[in-house]
Amino acid sequence: MEALQFTADELAAQALAGGGPRGGGAMVDSMSEAHRQFFAQLRYVLIGAVDAGGWPIATLLSGAPGFVASPDSTTLRISAEPGAGDPAAPALVAGSDIGILGIDLATRRRNRANGRIISHDARGVEVAVNQSFGNCPQYIQRRTVDAQIALREAQAATVETMIHLDREALGSIERADTCFVASRSLHGADISHRGGRPGFIRVDGDSLTIPDFRGNRYFNTLGNLMAEPRASLLIVDFESGDLLQLQGLASVDWADAAERFAGAERLWRFQVARAWRRRAASPLLWSFVDYSRVTEATGVWR
């Protein structure tokens, strides 16, 4: 297991933010035993893939515990297929970059494993991992999977495509306290978590503004967005299982944002280019438990 150096994009983002990490964990080229065991316990993972046009696309895959397996420290096997109409499905092809976020909302634990797809068949995808690291539990709202419906079949539903967000999509985003962002650079694909109080994503038509709070100061996502503005957001309706997947162009505002949004160090914006709504696409539903203490310390839009 070898430590990885930050990319030029991440270093540039760190410089604009006033410095990089001050201790803590490190990014390495293989998974630790603890991370491998963690992935094996999960019922769901978030995926950041890259479509044929070079656009990141975020999605959620799920299965019974063990559907993610790690035969060795540089390989992950995900035994799950995207649901019907998932715009990420065509992107899961051998040779493509992929970002994987393992997150357990019930414990606020999360780990990232990024790499390249080795193969994809009817059983799922196999990934060669070349980057692995843990993330802190900040801004993760605690939720538990509803055991009574955890194994339900996802309902087959017509995929609703949009080039402009409709009223329902706008409402889903305005109510969200969690989103996932897929990004990419020349160094690979990635997907990360963002959380805040409900309404932390400001909605102005097809333009979204998202506060960036204090974190590990790696700036993986913002570094990627500096090099490649194309990105994807995933909004999960934890009560209905609806998934709202967005693609668009992102830009980072490095000015001090504390006066505009309490707790924010900076803002980034996302201009929606296209969207997909898949109703009941997740076979899992979640029950809300509580907000993270650091989430409760953040503000609301003025």
Protein backbone atom coordinates (compact mmCIF):
# COMPACT_ATOMS: atom_id res chain seq x y z
CA MET A 1 0.00 0.00 0.00
CA GLU A 2 1.57 3.27 -1.16
CA ALA A 3 0.50 6.83 -0.43
CA LEU A 4 -0.65 8.83 -3.45
CA GLN A 5 0.32 12.40 -4.23
CA PHE A 6 -2.32 15.04 -4.84
CA THR A 7 -2.96 15.88 -8.47
CA ALA A 8 -2.09 19.29 -9.91
CA ASP A 9 -5.82 20.16 -9.93
CA GLU A 10 -6.23 19.26 -6.26
CA LEU A 11 -3.11 21.24 -5.35
CA ALA A 12 -4.42 24.25 -7.27
CA ALA A 13 -7.72 24.05 -5.40
CA GLN A 14 -5.90 23.73 -2.06
CA ALA A 15 -3.85 26.82 -2.86
CA LEU A 16 -6.95 28.86 -3.67
CA ALA A 17 -8.53 27.67 -0.41
CA GLY A 18 -5.52 28.69 1.66
CA GLY A 19 -3.87 25.30 2.16
CA GLY A 20 -4.35 21.57 2.05
CA PRO A 21 -4.91 18.92 4.72
CA ARG A 22 -3.44 19.32 8.17
CA GLY A 23 -2.91 15.69 9.12
CA GLY A 24 -5.51 12.95 9.06
CA GLY A 25 -5.80 10.02 6.69
CA ALA A 26 -4.14 9.61 3.34
CA MET A 27 -5.06 8.55 -0.15
CA VAL A 28 -3.46 5.22 -1.01
CA ASP A 29 -3.33 2.94 -4.04
CA SER A 30 -5.14 -0.03 -2.49
CA MET A 31 -7.84 -0.77 0.09
CA SER A 32 -7.12 -1.55 3.71
CA GLU A 33 -8.62 -4.65 5.28
CA ALA A 34 -11.01 -2.43 7.26
CA HIS A 35 -12.24 -0.74 4.08
CA ARG A 36 -12.70 -4.08 2.32
CA GLN A 37 -14.79 -5.38 5.20
CA PHE A 38 -16.81 -2.18 5.27
CA PHE A 39 -17.78 -2.45 1.60
CA ALA A 40 -18.84 -6.07 2.14
CA GLN A 41 -21.38 -4.99 4.79
CA LEU A 42 -23.14 -2.39 2.64
CA ARG A 43 -26.57 -2.59 1.04
CA TYR A 44 -25.93 0.31 -1.35
CA VAL A 45 -23.10 2.22 -2.99
CA LEU A 46 -22.98 5.43 -5.00
CA ILE A 47 -21.35 5.31 -8.41
CA GLY A 48 -19.76 8.04 -10.50
CA ALA A 49 -19.35 6.81 -14.08
CA VAL A 50 -18.35 8.58 -17.30
CA ASP A 51 -20.60 8.33 -20.37
CA ALA A 52 -19.51 8.06 -24.00
CA GLY A 53 -19.55 11.84 -24.36
CA GLY A 54 -17.20 12.31 -21.41
CA TRP A 55 -19.92 13.51 -19.01
CA PRO A 56 -19.92 12.20 -15.43
CA ILE A 57 -23.16 10.52 -14.36
CA ALA A 58 -24.06 9.59 -10.78
CA THR A 59 -26.25 6.68 -9.75
CA LEU A 60 -27.04 4.32 -6.87
CA LEU A 61 -26.62 0.53 -6.90
CA SER A 62 -27.95 -1.74 -4.17
CA GLY A 63 -28.16 -5.37 -3.09
CA ALA A 64 -28.08 -7.67 -0.10
CA PRO A 65 -25.00 -7.34 2.18
CA GLY A 66 -22.12 -8.94 0.32
CA PHE A 67 -23.17 -7.66 -3.11
CA VAL A 68 -19.93 -5.66 -2.99
CA ALA A 69 -16.98 -8.03 -2.56
CA SER A 70 -13.24 -7.54 -2.47
CA PRO A 71 -11.22 -10.63 -3.50
CA ASP A 72 -8.01 -8.66 -2.97
CA SER A 73 -6.89 -5.18 -1.93
CA THR A 74 -7.08 -3.71 -5.45
CA THR A 75 -10.31 -5.30 -6.72
CA LEU A 76 -13.99 -4.61 -6.05
CA ARG A 77 -16.81 -6.66 -7.51
CA ILE A 78 -20.26 -5.09 -7.49
CA SER A 79 -22.96 -7.69 -8.14
CA ALA A 80 -25.72 -5.32 -9.16
CA GLU A 81 -27.08 -3.94 -12.37
CA PRO A 82 -28.42 -0.42 -12.97
CA GLY A 83 -32.19 -0.23 -13.03
CA ALA A 84 -34.27 0.11 -16.16
CA GLY A 85 -33.59 3.37 -17.93
CA ASP A 86 -30.67 4.36 -15.70
CA PRO A 87 -28.63 6.86 -17.78
CA ALA A 88 -25.50 5.52 -16.06
CA ALA A 89 -25.97 2.01 -17.48
CA PRO A 90 -24.25 2.63 -20.85
CA ALA A 91 -21.25 4.13 -19.02
CA LEU A 92 -20.45 0.92 -17.12
CA VAL A 93 -18.16 -0.58 -19.75
CA ALA A 94 -14.72 -2.16 -19.52
CA GLY A 95 -11.93 0.38 -19.67
CA SER A 96 -14.00 3.27 -18.28
CA ASP A 97 -13.12 5.22 -15.15
CA ILE A 98 -15.40 4.82 -12.14
CA GLY A 99 -15.75 6.41 -8.72
CA ILE A 100 -17.29 4.44 -5.86
CA LEU A 101 -18.57 5.86 -2.59
CA GLY A 102 -19.37 3.37 0.12
CA ILE A 103 -21.50 5.09 2.73
CA ASP A 104 -23.54 3.83 5.67
CA LEU A 105 -25.96 6.59 6.59
CA ALA A 106 -26.87 4.79 9.83
CA THR A 107 -23.31 5.06 11.18
CA ARG A 108 -22.12 8.07 9.16
CA ARG A 109 -19.17 6.08 7.91
CA ARG A 110 -17.93 6.49 4.33
CA ASN A 111 -15.01 5.33 2.20
CA ARG A 112 -14.07 6.04 -1.40
CA ALA A 113 -12.58 3.61 -3.91
CA ASN A 114 -11.83 4.92 -7.38
CA GLY A 115 -10.43 3.07 -10.36
CA ARG A 116 -11.21 1.54 -13.74
CA ILE A 117 -13.77 -1.03 -14.82
CA ILE A 118 -12.08 -4.32 -15.72
CA SER A 119 -15.20 -6.10 -16.92
CA HIS A 120 -18.99 -5.83 -16.97
CA ASP A 121 -21.34 -8.74 -17.48
CA ALA A 122 -24.77 -9.90 -16.35
CA ARG A 123 -23.45 -10.35 -12.81
CA GLY A 124 -22.25 -6.77 -12.44
CA VAL A 125 -18.94 -4.93 -12.69
CA GLU A 126 -15.40 -5.68 -11.58
CA VAL A 127 -13.21 -2.70 -10.77
CA ALA A 128 -9.43 -2.34 -10.50
CA VAL A 129 -8.99 0.09 -7.59
CA ASN A 130 -6.16 2.58 -7.83
CA GLN A 131 -7.22 5.09 -5.18
CA SER A 132 -8.71 4.47 -1.74
CA PHE A 133 -9.33 6.73 1.23
CA GLY A 134 -11.74 7.36 4.07
CA ASN A 135 -13.85 10.44 4.75
CA CYS A 136 -15.00 12.01 8.00
CA PRO A 137 -18.64 11.68 9.17
CA GLN A 138 -19.38 15.41 8.94
CA TYR A 139 -22.65 16.63 7.37
CA ILE A 140 -24.07 13.12 6.99
CA GLN A 141 -27.70 12.95 8.13
CA ARG A 142 -28.34 9.67 9.92
CA ARG A 143 -30.86 7.33 8.27
CA THR A 144 -31.65 3.66 8.65
CA VAL A 145 -32.91 1.29 5.97
CA ASP A 146 -36.53 0.31 6.58
CA ALA A 147 -36.11 -3.45 7.07
CA GLN A 148 -39.72 -4.24 6.09
CA ILE A 149 -39.19 -3.09 2.53
CA ALA A 150 -35.43 -3.44 2.17
CA LEU A 151 -35.76 -6.36 -0.22
CA ARG A 152 -38.68 -5.09 -2.29
CA GLU A 153 -38.39 -5.13 -6.05
CA ALA A 154 -37.80 -1.72 -7.62
CA GLN A 155 -40.89 -0.73 -9.55
CA ALA A 156 -40.48 -0.51 -13.30
CA ALA A 157 -41.34 3.05 -14.22
CA THR A 158 -41.07 5.26 -17.27
CA VAL A 159 -37.95 7.40 -17.19
CA GLU A 160 -38.85 11.07 -17.26
CA THR A 161 -36.23 13.13 -19.11
CA MET A 162 -35.92 16.89 -18.86
CA ILE A 163 -33.78 19.65 -20.32
CA HIS A 164 -35.28 22.06 -17.80
CA LEU A 165 -36.23 21.18 -14.24
CA ASP A 166 -39.96 20.92 -13.72
CA ARG A 167 -41.78 22.04 -10.59
CA GLU A 168 -41.56 18.62 -8.98
CA ALA A 169 -37.82 18.37 -9.57
CA LEU A 170 -37.29 21.87 -8.20
CA GLY A 171 -39.21 20.90 -5.07
CA SER A 172 -37.17 17.73 -4.60
CA ILE A 173 -33.94 19.70 -4.72
CA GLU A 174 -35.22 22.45 -2.43
CA ARG A 175 -36.21 19.87 0.22
CA ALA A 176 -33.01 17.84 0.01
CA ASP A 177 -30.53 17.64 2.88
CA THR A 178 -28.18 15.33 0.97
CA CYS A 179 -26.80 15.07 -2.54
CA PHE A 180 -24.02 13.21 -4.30
CA VAL A 181 -21.72 14.76 -6.89
CA ALA A 182 -19.83 12.85 -9.59
CA SER A 183 -16.84 14.52 -11.19
CA ARG A 184 -13.84 13.58 -13.29
CA SER A 185 -10.42 14.73 -14.42
CA LEU A 186 -7.56 13.31 -16.47
CA HIS A 187 -6.71 11.27 -13.38
CA GLY A 188 -10.02 9.42 -13.13
CA ALA A 189 -13.60 9.57 -11.88
CA ASP A 190 -14.92 10.31 -8.39
CA ILE A 191 -18.16 10.65 -6.44
CA SER A 192 -18.58 12.45 -3.15
CA HIS A 193 -21.26 13.32 -0.59
CA ARG A 194 -22.61 16.75 0.28
CA GLY A 195 -25.01 17.48 3.11
CA GLY A 196 -26.68 20.40 4.87
CA ARG A 197 -29.95 21.54 6.34
CA PRO A 198 -33.01 21.08 4.09
CA GLY A 199 -32.79 23.75 1.42
CA PHE A 200 -29.00 24.02 1.56
CA ILE A 201 -29.07 23.81 -2.24
CA ARG A 202 -30.27 27.15 -3.55
CA VAL A 203 -32.47 26.80 -6.62
CA ASP A 204 -32.84 29.53 -9.24
CA GLY A 205 -34.52 27.78 -12.14
CA ASP A 206 -31.93 25.48 -13.70
CA SER A 207 -29.10 27.09 -11.73
CA LEU A 208 -28.16 25.53 -8.39
CA THR A 209 -25.82 27.01 -5.77
CA ILE A 210 -24.26 24.74 -3.17
CA PRO A 211 -22.29 25.85 -0.08
CA ASP A 212 -18.95 24.17 0.50
CA PHE A 213 -18.30 23.54 4.19
CA ARG A 214 -15.10 22.75 6.04
CA GLY A 215 -13.91 19.22 5.30
CA ASN A 216 -10.73 17.20 4.89
CA ARG A 217 -9.19 19.87 2.64
CA TYR A 218 -8.24 17.32 0.00
CA PHE A 219 -10.45 19.17 -2.53
CA ASN A 220 -10.85 16.11 -4.72
CA THR A 221 -14.20 17.26 -6.09
CA LEU A 222 -13.43 20.97 -6.46
CA GLY A 223 -10.05 20.17 -7.97
CA ASN A 224 -11.80 18.02 -10.56
CA LEU A 225 -14.33 20.75 -11.28
CA MET A 226 -11.54 23.24 -11.91
CA ALA A 227 -10.10 20.99 -14.63
CA GLU A 228 -13.38 19.60 -15.99
CA PRO A 229 -16.58 21.60 -15.33
CA ARG A 230 -18.88 18.80 -16.50
CA ALA A 231 -20.42 17.08 -13.47
CA SER A 232 -23.44 15.14 -12.26
CA LEU A 233 -25.66 15.39 -9.19
CA LEU A 234 -27.83 12.67 -7.68
CA ILE A 235 -30.75 13.54 -5.42
CA VAL A 236 -32.24 10.56 -3.57
CA ASP A 237 -35.78 10.76 -2.20
CA PHE A 238 -35.18 8.54 0.81
CA GLU A 239 -38.91 8.10 1.52
CA SER A 240 -40.13 7.18 -1.98
CA GLY A 241 -37.03 5.72 -3.61
CA ASP A 242 -37.20 8.22 -6.47
CA LEU A 243 -33.86 9.14 -8.02
CA LEU A 244 -33.22 12.49 -9.72
CA GLN A 245 -30.04 12.43 -11.82
CA LEU A 246 -28.64 15.65 -13.24
CA GLN A 247 -25.83 16.53 -15.61
CA GLY A 248 -24.53 20.06 -15.93
CA LEU A 249 -21.64 22.50 -15.79
CA ALA A 250 -20.10 23.47 -12.46
CA SER A 251 -18.01 26.46 -11.42
CA VAL A 252 -16.41 27.33 -8.08
CA ASP A 253 -16.64 30.75 -6.40
CA TRP A 254 -13.58 30.96 -4.14
CA ALA A 255 -14.68 34.17 -2.39
CA ASP A 256 -15.43 33.93 1.33
CA ALA A 257 -19.05 32.81 1.54
CA ALA A 258 -19.62 33.05 5.31
CA GLU A 259 -21.77 36.17 5.03
CA ARG A 260 -23.97 34.58 2.39
CA PHE A 261 -24.35 31.20 4.08
CA ALA A 262 -23.34 30.52 7.69
CA GLY A 263 -20.71 27.80 7.87
CA ALA A 264 -19.81 27.94 4.19
CA GLU A 265 -16.23 28.65 3.18
CA ARG A 266 -17.03 29.03 -0.51
CA LEU A 267 -19.80 28.28 -3.01
CA TRP A 268 -20.04 26.31 -6.20
CA ARG A 269 -22.67 26.52 -8.87
CA PHE A 270 -24.23 23.92 -11.09
CA GLN A 271 -26.05 24.79 -14.31
CA VAL A 272 -28.36 21.93 -15.25
CA ALA A 273 -28.02 20.70 -18.85
CA ARG A 274 -30.29 17.64 -18.62
CA ALA A 275 -32.06 15.55 -16.01
CA TRP A 276 -33.70 12.17 -15.49
CA ARG A 277 -36.32 11.25 -12.88
CA ARG A 278 -36.80 7.54 -12.18
CA ARG A 279 -39.63 6.88 -9.77
CA ALA A 280 -39.15 4.16 -7.15
CA ALA A 281 -35.81 3.35 -8.79
CA SER A 282 -34.24 2.42 -5.46
CA PRO A 283 -35.40 -0.88 -3.92
CA LEU A 284 -34.38 0.57 -0.55
CA LEU A 285 -36.17 3.20 1.52
CA TRP A 286 -34.73 4.97 4.55
CA SER A 287 -36.12 6.39 7.79
CA PHE A 288 -34.68 9.66 9.07
CA VAL A 289 -32.98 9.57 12.49
CA ASP A 290 -31.21 12.89 13.05
CA TYR A 291 -29.03 15.58 11.57
CA SER A 292 -25.30 15.70 12.06
CA ARG A 293 -24.30 18.18 14.77
CA VAL A 294 -22.14 20.05 12.28
CA THR A 295 -25.09 20.23 9.90
CA GLU A 296 -27.21 21.84 12.61
CA ALA A 297 -24.50 24.50 13.05
CA THR A 298 -24.80 25.61 9.44
CA GLY A 299 -27.15 28.30 8.26
CA VAL A 300 -29.81 28.81 5.61
CA TRP A 301 -29.94 30.98 2.54
CA ARG A 302 -30.64 34.65 3.20
